[in-house]
Structure formats: C-alpha cells, structure tokens
C-alpha cells in the first residue's frame, strides 16, 4: 500500500517531497505533503499552498522551541492525541509574512543557529508544532513523525515542514485520492506506522539496567533487568545455565507485579504456574523466564498484586531484542500466564 521507507528517505535527501500519511487518525487517514525543512524554498511553499491546500506547519524539537522562546498556544495543550501547536510566528524582516516567499524565509530563520527569540514576531503566519522528546515512541502524532523522518534522513535541523492534503471539493483527501495524487505527481508515500515500525526494527529500545543473583527454594537464580523504552515497562529475565549457542531454549513468559508475587500469599493459578516454571527451569539446567512487571494505573510505585491473566499484549519485537541480548537465537515457548 505504501512505498518502502528507504525510497521516501532517498527522495527527501534529494530535496523532494513525499506524502506522509497519519494512519493513526480515528476515522480515516490524513495525508500531508512533507519535506525536510532545510530544503524549503518559496516554490515548495507555493506548491503546498496551491496543491495540498491545507495549513502549512513546521515541526520543531522541544529544545529548539524552548531556545527560541516559542511557547505552546495552549498550555497544557489538551488531550494526549491533540497537536502541540505553539503561537504562530513571522520572521521580523518580513512584511505581512503571508506570501510563499516570506513563509519560506520564516522557516529558514527558525532553523538558523544564530537566530534568537527576538528575530520573530508573534503572532504570525507560520505554525510550529512541538514534537515529544522521543518522537513516535512517546506519541503517535504528525509532529513526532515529521521529526523522526527528518532524523532518519540525517537532517541537521531535525525538522520537517508539511501541509494537509485536501480533495478537489475541499474535504480531507481520502486514501484513494492520496494514492492517485502520488502516482500522478511521482511522489513516494510513507505512513506513520511504517516510521514507528522502522524505529522498532533499527533501534535497541531496551536498556539493561542491572543484573544479580538471588537464592530461592529452587536454588540460586540469575536475573537481568531491562527497561522497555517504548513504554518504560520493566522486564525481569531469569537465565538458567549456559544458553548461548543452544537451540531451542525453553522460554517461559509471565506478566504480573513483582511485589505481589514475592510477598502476597496466593493459591491462584498464576502464582503456582510461576513457581512451577522456576522449578522446571532449575531442573532442566538451561532456559529463560521473562517476567514483565506491570505498573497499575493510579500509582507510580509498584503495587502488591498477584500474578494472573493481565490481558497485556506481549511485544514480539521487544522479546526478540531481549533474547538477542542474551544470545538466544531459537526458543520453544512453554505454558505461561500472560
């Protein structure tokens, strides 16, 4: 349905435009004409205005917006899914600021290292949006996608400029219209989901924060603690014996609350299964148990709650990255509660 992400990156690095599709929008996707901000020229702004016909915006990092003292239009800016618009700006050396030439000049000024807060009039005709610090890993929004895509292209500015694509009747262009326009105008298409998955594929996303050994009634166990950078969840990984080079390795997976499972006595199936798995792990002499620690809503600290069926969805990419880190290539998944 969409072009390979590498094709879009190649086009952007050459100064071209792509159609960036927000496929996380409820209802139907939103399409944007997108280019790297460092390539902005009046001709590109004019093309966006006349062909896409939406609102021309620029995505900035939090650090850049703070440096230029461009505050959010509404602070806090509302629901988590809403766009983080700042106050609009014009470069001080522009006249009205509305022409394609002057909007391009404002974008160029926003990117210049020597620019200062005093170089911009407020309000104006360019509309910056601020991206969350970790991009699409923090929030699936157009500003985050724009900055992430710029980063993939090794952009020095870490900024993208974009404009919503409207149909001929002025309504939001649907997917069929976006595909037709891309074909007619020779534009590559890329989706927000592609960008998110590309980050999951190419970045580590896990951080090993500690390891330790501890005594149990089954004997000494050796564990590693990981943080999942997608949602800050914690994983306790118990590794028994030498697993490097062996195939397949027994794998047990559980989701629960570590304090509850350690300190709350329970006859629930989840807890008994966990104990049995630890015992089997020790007896077999080799294997891995991955325990996802759940933080329950309304409390930032760990609550006491027993293991059981949580309804949490295991992220296969994160599990594979953990297994790769401990040099496990192939597993056979054993019975578990998750």
C-alpha atoms as a PDB file:
ATOM      1  CA  UNK A   1       0.000   0.000   0.000  1.00  0.00           C
ATOM      2  CA  UNK A   2       2.901   2.356   0.800  1.00  0.00           C
ATOM      3  CA  UNK A   3       6.352   2.623  -0.740  1.00  0.00           C
ATOM      4  CA  UNK A   4       9.405   1.216   1.050  1.00  0.00           C
ATOM      5  CA  UNK A   5      10.537   3.729   3.664  1.00  0.00           C
ATOM      6  CA  UNK A   6      14.015   3.810   2.122  1.00  0.00           C
ATOM      7  CA  UNK A   7      12.519   5.170  -1.125  1.00  0.00           C
ATOM      8  CA  UNK A   8      10.905   8.071   0.728  1.00  0.00           C
ATOM      9  CA  UNK A   9      14.150   8.788   2.580  1.00  0.00           C
ATOM     10  CA  UNK A  10      16.079   8.865  -0.692  1.00  0.00           C
ATOM     11  CA  UNK A  11      13.609  11.308  -2.244  1.00  0.00           C
ATOM     12  CA  UNK A  12      13.716  13.593   0.790  1.00  0.00           C
ATOM     13  CA  UNK A  13      17.520  13.657   0.934  1.00  0.00           C
ATOM     14  CA  UNK A  14      17.486  14.952  -2.648  1.00  0.00           C
ATOM     15  CA  UNK A  15      15.203  17.832  -1.654  1.00  0.00           C
ATOM     16  CA  UNK A  16      11.951  16.260  -2.813  1.00  0.00           C
ATOM     17  CA  UNK A  17       8.555  15.845  -1.203  1.00  0.00           C
ATOM     18  CA  UNK A  18       6.613  12.777  -0.116  1.00  0.00           C
ATOM     19  CA  UNK A  19       3.074  12.132   1.065  1.00  0.00           C
ATOM     20  CA  UNK A  20       3.223  11.316   4.753  1.00  0.00           C
ATOM     21  CA  UNK A  21       0.093   9.517   5.937  1.00  0.00           C
ATOM     22  CA  UNK A  22      -1.138   9.699   9.510  1.00  0.00           C
ATOM     23  CA  UNK A  23      -2.807   6.296   9.677  1.00  0.00           C
ATOM     24  CA  UNK A  24      -3.393   6.586  13.428  1.00  0.00           C
ATOM     25  CA  UNK A  25      -6.124   9.199  12.991  1.00  0.00           C
ATOM     26  CA  UNK A  26      -9.544   7.904  14.119  1.00  0.00           C
ATOM     27  CA  UNK A  27     -11.985   7.617  11.222  1.00  0.00           C
ATOM     28  CA  UNK A  28      -9.700   7.716   8.217  1.00  0.00           C
ATOM     29  CA  UNK A  29      -6.068   8.566   7.410  1.00  0.00           C
ATOM     30  CA  UNK A  30      -4.797  12.112   6.946  1.00  0.00           C
ATOM     31  CA  UNK A  31      -2.294  12.816   4.192  1.00  0.00           C
ATOM     32  CA  UNK A  32       0.367  15.528   4.312  1.00  0.00           C
ATOM     33  CA  UNK A  33       2.762  16.881   1.713  1.00  0.00           C
ATOM     34  CA  UNK A  34       6.060  16.691   3.567  1.00  0.00           C
ATOM     35  CA  UNK A  35       9.630  17.786   3.018  1.00  0.00           C
ATOM     36  CA  UNK A  36      12.712  18.374   5.144  1.00  0.00           C
ATOM     37  CA  UNK A  37      12.643  21.933   6.456  1.00  0.00           C
ATOM     38  CA  UNK A  38      16.254  22.533   5.447  1.00  0.00           C
ATOM     39  CA  UNK A  39      15.200  22.193   1.783  1.00  0.00           C
ATOM     40  CA  UNK A  40      12.355  24.715   1.987  1.00  0.00           C
ATOM     41  CA  UNK A  41      12.184  27.243  -0.843  1.00  0.00           C
ATOM     42  CA  UNK A  42       9.320  29.588  -1.866  1.00  0.00           C
ATOM     43  CA  UNK A  43       8.444  27.234  -4.732  1.00  0.00           C
ATOM     44  CA  UNK A  44       7.816  24.356  -2.310  1.00  0.00           C
ATOM     45  CA  UNK A  45       5.633  26.524  -0.044  1.00  0.00           C
ATOM     46  CA  UNK A  46       3.672  27.715  -3.074  1.00  0.00           C
ATOM     47  CA  UNK A  47       3.199  24.113  -4.210  1.00  0.00           C
ATOM     48  CA  UNK A  48       1.892  23.129  -0.774  1.00  0.00           C
ATOM     49  CA  UNK A  49      -0.495  26.090  -0.679  1.00  0.00           C
ATOM     50  CA  UNK A  50      -1.908  25.565  -4.167  1.00  0.00           C
ATOM     51  CA  UNK A  51      -1.832  21.763  -4.447  1.00  0.00           C
ATOM     52  CA  UNK A  52      -2.290  20.440  -0.902  1.00  0.00           C
ATOM     53  CA  UNK A  53      -4.393  23.464   0.196  1.00  0.00           C
ATOM     54  CA  UNK A  54      -4.159  22.758   3.942  1.00  0.00           C
ATOM     55  CA  UNK A  55      -2.311  24.570   6.725  1.00  0.00           C
ATOM     56  CA  UNK A  56       1.473  24.809   6.285  1.00  0.00           C
ATOM     57  CA  UNK A  57       3.219  23.837   9.529  1.00  0.00           C
ATOM     58  CA  UNK A  58       6.738  23.149  10.731  1.00  0.00           C
ATOM     59  CA  UNK A  59       7.686  20.542  13.329  1.00  0.00           C
ATOM     60  CA  UNK A  60      10.298  21.585  15.884  1.00  0.00           C
ATOM     61  CA  UNK A  61      12.009  19.736  18.698  1.00  0.00           C
ATOM     62  CA  UNK A  62      11.222  20.820  22.257  1.00  0.00           C
ATOM     63  CA  UNK A  63      14.765  22.079  22.616  1.00  0.00           C
ATOM     64  CA  UNK A  64      14.521  24.325  19.552  1.00  0.00           C
ATOM     65  CA  UNK A  65      11.151  25.778  20.533  1.00  0.00           C
ATOM     66  CA  UNK A  66      12.438  26.480  24.041  1.00  0.00           C
ATOM     67  CA  UNK A  67      15.624  28.099  22.733  1.00  0.00           C
ATOM     68  CA  UNK A  68      13.601  30.440  20.507  1.00  0.00           C
ATOM     69  CA  UNK A  69      11.103  31.095  23.310  1.00  0.00           C
ATOM     70  CA  UNK A  70       8.131  29.974  21.232  1.00  0.00           C
ATOM     71  CA  UNK A  71       5.555  28.786  23.788  1.00  0.00           C
ATOM     72  CA  UNK A  72       2.642  26.441  23.266  1.00  0.00           C
ATOM     73  CA  UNK A  73      -0.552  28.105  22.084  1.00  0.00           C
ATOM     74  CA  UNK A  74      -2.439  26.352  24.876  1.00  0.00           C
ATOM     75  CA  UNK A  75      -0.523  25.008  27.852  1.00  0.00           C
ATOM     76  CA  UNK A  76      -1.186  22.236  28.584  1.00  0.00           C
ATOM     77  CA  UNK A  77      -2.353  21.674  25.031  1.00  0.00           C
ATOM     78  CA  UNK A  78      -5.275  19.356  25.787  1.00  0.00           C
ATOM     79  CA  UNK A  79      -5.866  15.672  25.225  1.00  0.00           C
ATOM     80  CA  UNK A  80      -2.845  13.384  24.596  1.00  0.00           C
ATOM     81  CA  UNK A  81      -3.724  12.926  20.917  1.00  0.00           C
ATOM     82  CA  UNK A  82      -4.032  16.631  20.109  1.00  0.00           C
ATOM     83  CA  UNK A  83      -1.407  18.593  18.194  1.00  0.00           C
ATOM     84  CA  UNK A  84       1.023  20.697  20.241  1.00  0.00           C
ATOM     85  CA  UNK A  85       0.705  23.985  18.362  1.00  0.00           C
ATOM     86  CA  UNK A  86       2.843  26.880  19.508  1.00  0.00           C
ATOM     87  CA  UNK A  87       1.967  30.517  18.975  1.00  0.00           C
ATOM     88  CA  UNK A  88       2.348  31.372  15.296  1.00  0.00           C
ATOM     89  CA  UNK A  89       5.398  33.360  14.165  1.00  0.00           C
ATOM     90  CA  UNK A  90       6.809  35.523  11.384  1.00  0.00           C
ATOM     91  CA  UNK A  91      10.432  36.411  10.806  1.00  0.00           C
ATOM     92  CA  UNK A  92      10.945  40.053  11.827  1.00  0.00           C
ATOM     93  CA  UNK A  93      12.375  41.009   8.415  1.00  0.00           C
ATOM     94  CA  UNK A  94       9.192  40.003   6.582  1.00  0.00           C
ATOM     95  CA  UNK A  95       6.386  42.441   5.802  1.00  0.00           C
ATOM     96  CA  UNK A  96       2.991  40.703   6.029  1.00  0.00           C
ATOM     97  CA  UNK A  97       4.568  37.263   6.385  1.00  0.00           C
ATOM     98  CA  UNK A  98       1.831  35.575   4.341  1.00  0.00           C
ATOM     99  CA  UNK A  99       3.475  35.146   0.933  1.00  0.00           C
ATOM    100  CA  UNK A 100       5.163  31.906  -0.037  1.00  0.00           C
ATOM    101  CA  UNK A 101       8.465  33.791  -0.125  1.00  0.00           C
ATOM    102  CA  UNK A 102       8.068  35.190   3.384  1.00  0.00           C
ATOM    103  CA  UNK A 103       6.820  31.935   4.880  1.00  0.00           C
ATOM    104  CA  UNK A 104       9.884  30.211   3.429  1.00  0.00           C
ATOM    105  CA  UNK A 105      12.014  32.988   4.917  1.00  0.00           C
ATOM    106  CA  UNK A 106      10.438  32.424   8.336  1.00  0.00           C
ATOM    107  CA  UNK A 107      11.126  28.671   8.160  1.00  0.00           C
ATOM    108  CA  UNK A 108      14.736  29.287   7.181  1.00  0.00           C
ATOM    109  CA  UNK A 109      15.111  31.686  10.117  1.00  0.00           C
ATOM    110  CA  UNK A 110      13.636  29.125  12.526  1.00  0.00           C
ATOM    111  CA  UNK A 111      16.423  26.736  11.524  1.00  0.00           C
ATOM    112  CA  UNK A 112      19.392  29.115  11.586  1.00  0.00           C
ATOM    113  CA  UNK A 113      21.690  28.512  14.537  1.00  0.00           C
ATOM    114  CA  UNK A 114      22.299  32.230  15.027  1.00  0.00           C
ATOM    115  CA  UNK A 115      18.588  33.078  15.266  1.00  0.00           C
ATOM    116  CA  UNK A 116      17.289  34.357  18.588  1.00  0.00           C
ATOM    117  CA  UNK A 117      13.810  34.826  20.130  1.00  0.00           C
ATOM    118  CA  UNK A 118      13.907  38.500  19.142  1.00  0.00           C
ATOM    119  CA  UNK A 119      14.030  37.520  15.461  1.00  0.00           C
ATOM    120  CA  UNK A 120      10.351  36.542  15.404  1.00  0.00           C
ATOM    121  CA  UNK A 121       7.053  38.411  15.557  1.00  0.00           C
ATOM    122  CA  UNK A 122       4.157  36.802  17.393  1.00  0.00           C
ATOM    123  CA  UNK A 123       1.533  36.005  16.126  1.00  0.00           C
ATOM    124  CA  UNK A 124       2.452  35.311  12.531  1.00  0.00           C
ATOM    125  CA  UNK A 125       1.734  33.104   9.545  1.00  0.00           C
ATOM    126  CA  UNK A 126       3.900  30.039  10.231  1.00  0.00           C
ATOM    127  CA  UNK A 127       2.568  27.455  12.634  1.00  0.00           C
ATOM    128  CA  UNK A 128       5.169  25.439  14.540  1.00  0.00           C
ATOM    129  CA  UNK A 129       4.264  22.184  16.271  1.00  0.00           C
ATOM    130  CA  UNK A 130       6.438  20.772  19.042  1.00  0.00           C
ATOM    131  CA  UNK A 131       7.343  17.091  18.926  1.00  0.00           C
ATOM    132  CA  UNK A 132       7.679  14.958  22.037  1.00  0.00           C
ATOM    133  CA  UNK A 133      11.272  14.179  23.007  1.00  0.00           C
ATOM    134  CA  UNK A 134      11.248  10.537  21.923  1.00  0.00           C
ATOM    135  CA  UNK A 135       9.167  11.140  18.816  1.00  0.00           C
ATOM    136  CA  UNK A 136       6.752   8.384  17.831  1.00  0.00           C
ATOM    137  CA  UNK A 137       7.865   6.309  20.805  1.00  0.00           C
ATOM    138  CA  UNK A 138       6.199   8.930  23.026  1.00  0.00           C
ATOM    139  CA  UNK A 139       3.250   9.960  20.872  1.00  0.00           C
ATOM    140  CA  UNK A 140       1.867   8.921  17.502  1.00  0.00           C
ATOM    141  CA  UNK A 141       1.391  12.436  16.118  1.00  0.00           C
ATOM    142  CA  UNK A 142       2.289  14.268  12.924  1.00  0.00           C
ATOM    143  CA  UNK A 143       4.935  16.447  14.622  1.00  0.00           C
ATOM    144  CA  UNK A 144       6.644  13.369  16.030  1.00  0.00           C
ATOM    145  CA  UNK A 145       6.503  11.609  12.652  1.00  0.00           C
ATOM    146  CA  UNK A 146       7.916  14.705  10.940  1.00  0.00           C
ATOM    147  CA  UNK A 147      10.898  14.932  13.305  1.00  0.00           C
ATOM    148  CA  UNK A 148      11.534  11.175  13.268  1.00  0.00           C
ATOM    149  CA  UNK A 149      11.527  11.117   9.465  1.00  0.00           C
ATOM    150  CA  UNK A 150      13.974  14.039   9.426  1.00  0.00           C
ATOM    151  CA  UNK A 151      16.211  12.112  11.810  1.00  0.00           C
ATOM    152  CA  UNK A 152      16.109   9.024   9.572  1.00  0.00           C
ATOM    153  CA  UNK A 153      17.326  11.265   6.732  1.00  0.00           C
ATOM    154  CA  UNK A 154      20.260  12.517   8.854  1.00  0.00           C
ATOM    155  CA  UNK A 155      18.808  16.026   8.745  1.00  0.00           C
ATOM    156  CA  UNK A 156      20.891  18.572  10.602  1.00  0.00           C
ATOM    157  CA  UNK A 157      17.789  20.583  11.540  1.00  0.00           C
ATOM    158  CA  UNK A 158      15.675  17.651  12.808  1.00  0.00           C
ATOM    159  CA  UNK A 159      12.663  19.435  11.349  1.00  0.00           C
ATOM    160  CA  UNK A 160      10.016  18.760   8.740  1.00  0.00           C
ATOM    161  CA  UNK A 161       7.559  21.071   7.007  1.00  0.00           C
ATOM    162  CA  UNK A 162       4.159  19.714   5.972  1.00  0.00           C
ATOM    163  CA  UNK A 163       0.685  20.627   4.773  1.00  0.00           C
ATOM    164  CA  UNK A 164      -2.592  18.664   4.914  1.00  0.00           C
ATOM    165  CA  UNK A 165      -3.794  17.379   1.545  1.00  0.00           C
ATOM    166  CA  UNK A 166      -7.369  18.345   0.703  1.00  0.00           C
ATOM    167  CA  UNK A 167      -9.537  16.947  -2.072  1.00  0.00           C
ATOM    168  CA  UNK A 168     -10.863  18.918  -5.030  1.00  0.00           C
ATOM    169  CA  UNK A 169     -14.070  19.697  -3.123  1.00  0.00           C
ATOM    170  CA  UNK A 170     -12.156  20.999  -0.108  1.00  0.00           C
ATOM    171  CA  UNK A 171     -12.751  17.939   2.075  1.00  0.00           C
ATOM    172  CA  UNK A 172      -9.931  15.862   3.539  1.00  0.00           C
ATOM    173  CA  UNK A 173      -8.402  13.698   0.814  1.00  0.00           C
ATOM    174  CA  UNK A 174      -9.116  10.012   1.351  1.00  0.00           C
ATOM    175  CA  UNK A 175      -6.626   7.212   0.801  1.00  0.00           C
ATOM    176  CA  UNK A 176      -7.709   6.612  -2.794  1.00  0.00           C
ATOM    177  CA  UNK A 177      -7.187  10.297  -3.608  1.00  0.00           C
ATOM    178  CA  UNK A 178      -3.789  10.297  -1.899  1.00  0.00           C
ATOM    179  CA  UNK A 179      -2.622   7.261  -3.874  1.00  0.00           C
ATOM    180  CA  UNK A 180      -3.894   8.771  -7.137  1.00  0.00           C
ATOM    181  CA  UNK A 181      -2.140  12.067  -6.448  1.00  0.00           C
ATOM    182  CA  UNK A 182       1.089  10.301  -5.514  1.00  0.00           C
ATOM    183  CA  UNK A 183       1.033   8.368  -8.795  1.00  0.00           C
ATOM    184  CA  UNK A 184       0.208  11.421 -10.921  1.00  0.00           C
ATOM    185  CA  UNK A 185       2.842  13.627  -9.292  1.00  0.00           C
ATOM    186  CA  UNK A 186       5.530  10.980  -8.887  1.00  0.00           C
ATOM    187  CA  UNK A 187       5.592  11.198  -5.090  1.00  0.00           C
ATOM    188  CA  UNK A 188       6.535   8.440  -2.705  1.00  0.00           C
ATOM    189  CA  UNK A 189       4.157   7.597   0.148  1.00  0.00           C
ATOM    190  CA  UNK A 190       5.083   6.667   3.690  1.00  0.00           C
ATOM    191  CA  UNK A 191       2.901   6.005   6.720  1.00  0.00           C
ATOM    192  CA  UNK A 192       3.280   6.803  10.387  1.00  0.00           C
ATOM    193  CA  UNK A 193       3.035   3.085  11.179  1.00  0.00           C
ATOM    194  CA  UNK A 194       5.977   2.431   8.850  1.00  0.00           C
ATOM    195  CA  UNK A 195       8.048   5.043  10.683  1.00  0.00           C
ATOM    196  CA  UNK A 196       7.144   3.602  14.073  1.00  0.00           C
ATOM    197  CA  UNK A 197       7.969   0.056  12.972  1.00  0.00           C
ATOM    198  CA  UNK A 198      11.224   1.251  11.403  1.00  0.00           C
ATOM    199  CA  UNK A 199      12.294   2.664  14.747  1.00  0.00           C
ATOM    200  CA  UNK A 200      11.351  -0.588  16.470  1.00  0.00           C
ATOM    201  CA  UNK A 201      13.388  -2.532  13.928  1.00  0.00           C
ATOM    202  CA  UNK A 202      16.504  -0.364  13.804  1.00  0.00           C
ATOM    203  CA  UNK A 203      16.836   0.896  17.382  1.00  0.00           C
ATOM    204  CA  UNK A 204      17.690  -1.052  20.514  1.00  0.00           C
ATOM    205  CA  UNK A 205      14.590   0.040  22.506  1.00  0.00           C
ATOM    206  CA  UNK A 206      15.731  -1.946  25.520  1.00  0.00           C
ATOM    207  CA  UNK A 207      18.204  -0.944  28.203  1.00  0.00           C
ATOM    208  CA  UNK A 208      19.937  -3.405  30.508  1.00  0.00           C
ATOM    209  CA  UNK A 209      19.938  -1.628  33.866  1.00  0.00           C
ATOM    210  CA  UNK A 210      21.229  -4.341  36.177  1.00  0.00           C
ATOM    211  CA  UNK A 211      21.830  -7.983  36.906  1.00  0.00           C
ATOM    212  CA  UNK A 212      22.050 -10.006  40.084  1.00  0.00           C
ATOM    213  CA  UNK A 213      21.837 -13.483  41.603  1.00  0.00           C
ATOM    214  CA  UNK A 214      19.422 -14.396  44.377  1.00  0.00           C
ATOM    215  CA  UNK A 215      18.645 -17.504  46.452  1.00  0.00           C
ATOM    216  CA  UNK A 216      15.295 -19.283  46.142  1.00  0.00           C
ATOM    217  CA  UNK A 217      13.930 -22.596  47.355  1.00  0.00           C
ATOM    218  CA  UNK A 218      14.867 -23.954  43.944  1.00  0.00           C
ATOM    219  CA  UNK A 219      18.481 -22.801  44.272  1.00  0.00           C
ATOM    220  CA  UNK A 220      20.378 -19.724  43.078  1.00  0.00           C
ATOM    221  CA  UNK A 221      18.793 -17.873  40.161  1.00  0.00           C
ATOM    222  CA  UNK A 222      20.479 -15.345  37.895  1.00  0.00           C
ATOM    223  CA  UNK A 223      18.458 -12.404  36.611  1.00  0.00           C
ATOM    224  CA  UNK A 224      18.839  -9.380  34.336  1.00  0.00           C
ATOM    225  CA  UNK A 225      16.599  -6.298  34.477  1.00  0.00           C
ATOM    226  CA  UNK A 226      15.634  -4.480  31.281  1.00  0.00           C
ATOM    227  CA  UNK A 227      13.666  -1.298  30.628  1.00  0.00           C
ATOM    228  CA  UNK A 228      11.428  -1.204  27.542  1.00  0.00           C
ATOM    229  CA  UNK A 229      11.956   2.291  26.121  1.00  0.00           C
ATOM    230  CA  UNK A 230       8.618   2.175  24.281  1.00  0.00           C
ATOM    231  CA  UNK A 231       6.566   2.333  27.479  1.00  0.00           C
ATOM    232  CA  UNK A 232       9.128   2.292  30.327  1.00  0.00           C
ATOM    233  CA  UNK A 233       7.919  -1.144  31.416  1.00  0.00           C
ATOM    234  CA  UNK A 234      10.317  -3.408  33.303  1.00  0.00           C
ATOM    235  CA  UNK A 235      11.352  -6.942  32.432  1.00  0.00           C
ATOM    236  CA  UNK A 236      12.978  -9.355  34.849  1.00  0.00           C
ATOM    237  CA  UNK A 237      14.760 -12.025  32.823  1.00  0.00           C
ATOM    238  CA  UNK A 238      15.872 -15.175  34.640  1.00  0.00           C
ATOM    239  CA  UNK A 239      18.592 -17.063  32.774  1.00  0.00           C
ATOM    240  CA  UNK A 240      19.413 -20.601  33.884  1.00  0.00           C
ATOM    241  CA  UNK A 241      22.624 -22.217  32.752  1.00  0.00           C
ATOM    242  CA  UNK A 242      24.507 -21.576  29.535  1.00  0.00           C
ATOM    243  CA  UNK A 243      22.073 -20.668  26.775  1.00  0.00           C
ATOM    244  CA  UNK A 244      24.442 -19.294  24.150  1.00  0.00           C
ATOM    245  CA  UNK A 245      24.527 -21.485  21.073  1.00  0.00           C
ATOM    246  CA  UNK A 246      21.901 -23.948  22.314  1.00  0.00           C
ATOM    247  CA  UNK A 247      18.721 -24.471  20.309  1.00  0.00           C
ATOM    248  CA  UNK A 248      15.880 -24.422  21.034  1.00  0.00           C
ATOM    249  CA  UNK A 249      15.852 -22.871  24.509  1.00  0.00           C
ATOM    250  CA  UNK A 250      12.803 -23.322  26.804  1.00  0.00           C
ATOM    251  CA  UNK A 251      11.109 -19.929  27.281  1.00  0.00           C
ATOM    252  CA  UNK A 252       8.523 -19.033  29.928  1.00  0.00           C
ATOM    253  CA  UNK A 253       6.726 -15.669  29.814  1.00  0.00           C
ATOM    254  CA  UNK A 254       4.727 -14.069  32.612  1.00  0.00           C
ATOM    255  CA  UNK A 255       3.159 -10.666  33.257  1.00  0.00           C
ATOM    256  CA  UNK A 256       2.326  -9.581  36.787  1.00  0.00           C
ATOM    257  CA  UNK A 257       3.518  -7.486  39.697  1.00  0.00           C
ATOM    258  CA  UNK A 258       6.813  -8.416  41.257  1.00  0.00           C
ATOM    259  CA  UNK A 259       5.963  -7.262  44.780  1.00  0.00           C
ATOM    260  CA  UNK A 260       2.680  -9.091  44.742  1.00  0.00           C
ATOM    261  CA  UNK A 261       4.266 -12.302  43.559  1.00  0.00           C
ATOM    262  CA  UNK A 262       7.047 -12.041  46.111  1.00  0.00           C
ATOM    263  CA  UNK A 263       5.098 -11.013  49.185  1.00  0.00           C
ATOM    264  CA  UNK A 264       1.423 -11.886  48.745  1.00  0.00           C
ATOM    265  CA  UNK A 265       0.483 -15.472  49.521  1.00  0.00           C
ATOM    266  CA  UNK A 266      -1.882 -16.796  46.912  1.00  0.00           C
ATOM    267  CA  UNK A 267      -3.191 -20.075  45.656  1.00  0.00           C
ATOM    268  CA  UNK A 268      -4.091 -18.520  42.327  1.00  0.00           C
ATOM    269  CA  UNK A 269      -3.150 -20.440  39.217  1.00  0.00           C
ATOM    270  CA  UNK A 270      -0.811 -17.705  38.018  1.00  0.00           C
ATOM    271  CA  UNK A 271       1.382 -17.848  41.087  1.00  0.00           C
ATOM    272  CA  UNK A 272       1.510 -21.653  41.187  1.00  0.00           C
ATOM    273  CA  UNK A 273       2.416 -21.748  37.487  1.00  0.00           C
ATOM    274  CA  UNK A 274       5.201 -19.249  38.039  1.00  0.00           C
ATOM    275  CA  UNK A 275       6.642 -21.317  40.880  1.00  0.00           C
ATOM    276  CA  UNK A 276       6.378 -24.497  38.836  1.00  0.00           C
ATOM    277  CA  UNK A 277       8.122 -22.834  35.889  1.00  0.00           C
ATOM    278  CA  UNK A 278      11.005 -21.696  38.086  1.00  0.00           C
ATOM    279  CA  UNK A 279      11.326 -25.207  39.430  1.00  0.00           C
ATOM    280  CA  UNK A 280      11.296 -26.722  35.918  1.00  0.00           C
ATOM    281  CA  UNK A 281      13.807 -24.116  34.772  1.00  0.00           C
ATOM    282  CA  UNK A 282      16.215 -25.072  37.530  1.00  0.00           C
ATOM    283  CA  UNK A 283      15.809 -28.803  36.985  1.00  0.00           C
ATOM    284  CA  UNK A 284      16.350 -28.576  33.224  1.00  0.00           C
ATOM    285  CA  UNK A 285      19.679 -26.840  33.696  1.00  0.00           C
ATOM    286  CA  UNK A 286      19.087 -24.269  30.962  1.00  0.00           C
ATOM    287  CA  UNK A 287      16.295 -21.932  29.872  1.00  0.00           C
ATOM    288  CA  UNK A 288      14.878 -18.421  30.140  1.00  0.00           C
ATOM    289  CA  UNK A 289      11.953 -16.908  32.026  1.00  0.00           C
ATOM    290  CA  UNK A 290      10.817 -13.399  31.050  1.00  0.00           C
ATOM    291  CA  UNK A 291       8.700 -11.638  33.664  1.00  0.00           C
ATOM    292  CA  UNK A 292       7.042  -8.377  32.658  1.00  0.00           C
ATOM    293  CA  UNK A 293       6.418  -6.199  35.686  1.00  0.00           C
ATOM    294  CA  UNK A 294       3.093  -4.345  35.445  1.00  0.00           C
ATOM    295  CA  UNK A 295       2.633  -0.915  36.970  1.00  0.00           C
ATOM    296  CA  UNK A 296      -1.032  -0.496  37.764  1.00  0.00           C
ATOM    297  CA  UNK A 297      -2.924   2.730  36.884  1.00  0.00           C
ATOM    298  CA  UNK A 298      -3.152   5.414  39.501  1.00  0.00           C
ATOM    299  CA  UNK A 299       0.100   4.579  41.243  1.00  0.00           C
ATOM    300  CA  UNK A 300       3.622   5.288  40.045  1.00  0.00           C
ATOM    301  CA  UNK A 301       5.065   2.851  42.559  1.00  0.00           C
ATOM    302  CA  UNK A 302       4.826  -0.902  42.400  1.00  0.00           C
ATOM    303  CA  UNK A 303       1.619  -2.179  43.949  1.00  0.00           C
ATOM    304  CA  UNK A 304       1.122  -5.519  45.633  1.00  0.00           C
ATOM    305  CA  UNK A 305      -0.913  -7.687  43.318  1.00  0.00           C
ATOM    306  CA  UNK A 306      -0.727 -11.353  42.458  1.00  0.00           C
ATOM    307  CA  UNK A 307       0.207 -12.824  39.121  1.00  0.00           C
ATOM    308  CA  UNK A 308      -2.678 -13.740  36.890  1.00  0.00           C
ATOM    309  CA  UNK A 309      -4.074 -13.147  33.440  1.00  0.00           C
ATOM    310  CA  UNK A 310      -3.429  -9.464  32.751  1.00  0.00           C
ATOM    311  CA  UNK A 311      -4.651  -9.030  29.208  1.00  0.00           C
ATOM    312  CA  UNK A 312      -1.363  -7.297  28.372  1.00  0.00           C
ATOM    313  CA  UNK A 313      -0.128  -7.818  24.838  1.00  0.00           C
ATOM    314  CA  UNK A 314       3.413  -9.064  24.530  1.00  0.00           C
ATOM    315  CA  UNK A 315       5.517  -7.059  22.087  1.00  0.00           C
ATOM    316  CA  UNK A 316       7.302  -9.647  19.948  1.00  0.00           C
ATOM    317  CA  UNK A 317       9.933  -7.128  18.857  1.00  0.00           C
ATOM    318  CA  UNK A 318      10.911  -6.362  22.460  1.00  0.00           C
ATOM    319  CA  UNK A 319      11.048 -10.066  23.346  1.00  0.00           C
ATOM    320  CA  UNK A 320      13.280 -10.748  20.334  1.00  0.00           C
ATOM    321  CA  UNK A 321      15.615  -7.897  21.297  1.00  0.00           C
ATOM    322  CA  UNK A 322      15.913  -9.251  24.855  1.00  0.00           C
ATOM    323  CA  UNK A 323      16.627 -12.767  23.572  1.00  0.00           C
ATOM    324  CA  UNK A 324      19.240 -11.413  21.163  1.00  0.00           C
ATOM    325  CA  UNK A 325      20.933  -9.545  24.004  1.00  0.00           C
ATOM    326  CA  UNK A 326      21.334 -12.779  25.981  1.00  0.00           C
ATOM    327  CA  UNK A 327      22.483 -14.648  22.833  1.00  0.00           C
ATOM    328  CA  UNK A 328      19.386 -16.814  22.392  1.00  0.00           C
ATOM    329  CA  UNK A 329      18.546 -17.486  18.748  1.00  0.00           C
ATOM    330  CA  UNK A 330      15.744 -20.045  18.978  1.00  0.00           C
ATOM    331  CA  UNK A 331      13.173 -20.847  21.668  1.00  0.00           C
ATOM    332  CA  UNK A 332      10.299 -23.153  22.407  1.00  0.00           C
ATOM    333  CA  UNK A 333       7.600 -21.329  24.400  1.00  0.00           C
ATOM    334  CA  UNK A 334       6.343 -23.227  27.439  1.00  0.00           C
ATOM    335  CA  UNK A 335       2.970 -22.841  29.177  1.00  0.00           C
ATOM    336  CA  UNK A 336       2.702 -19.469  30.908  1.00  0.00           C
ATOM    337  CA  UNK A 337       0.196 -16.946  32.204  1.00  0.00           C
ATOM    338  CA  UNK A 338       0.238 -13.660  30.344  1.00  0.00           C
END
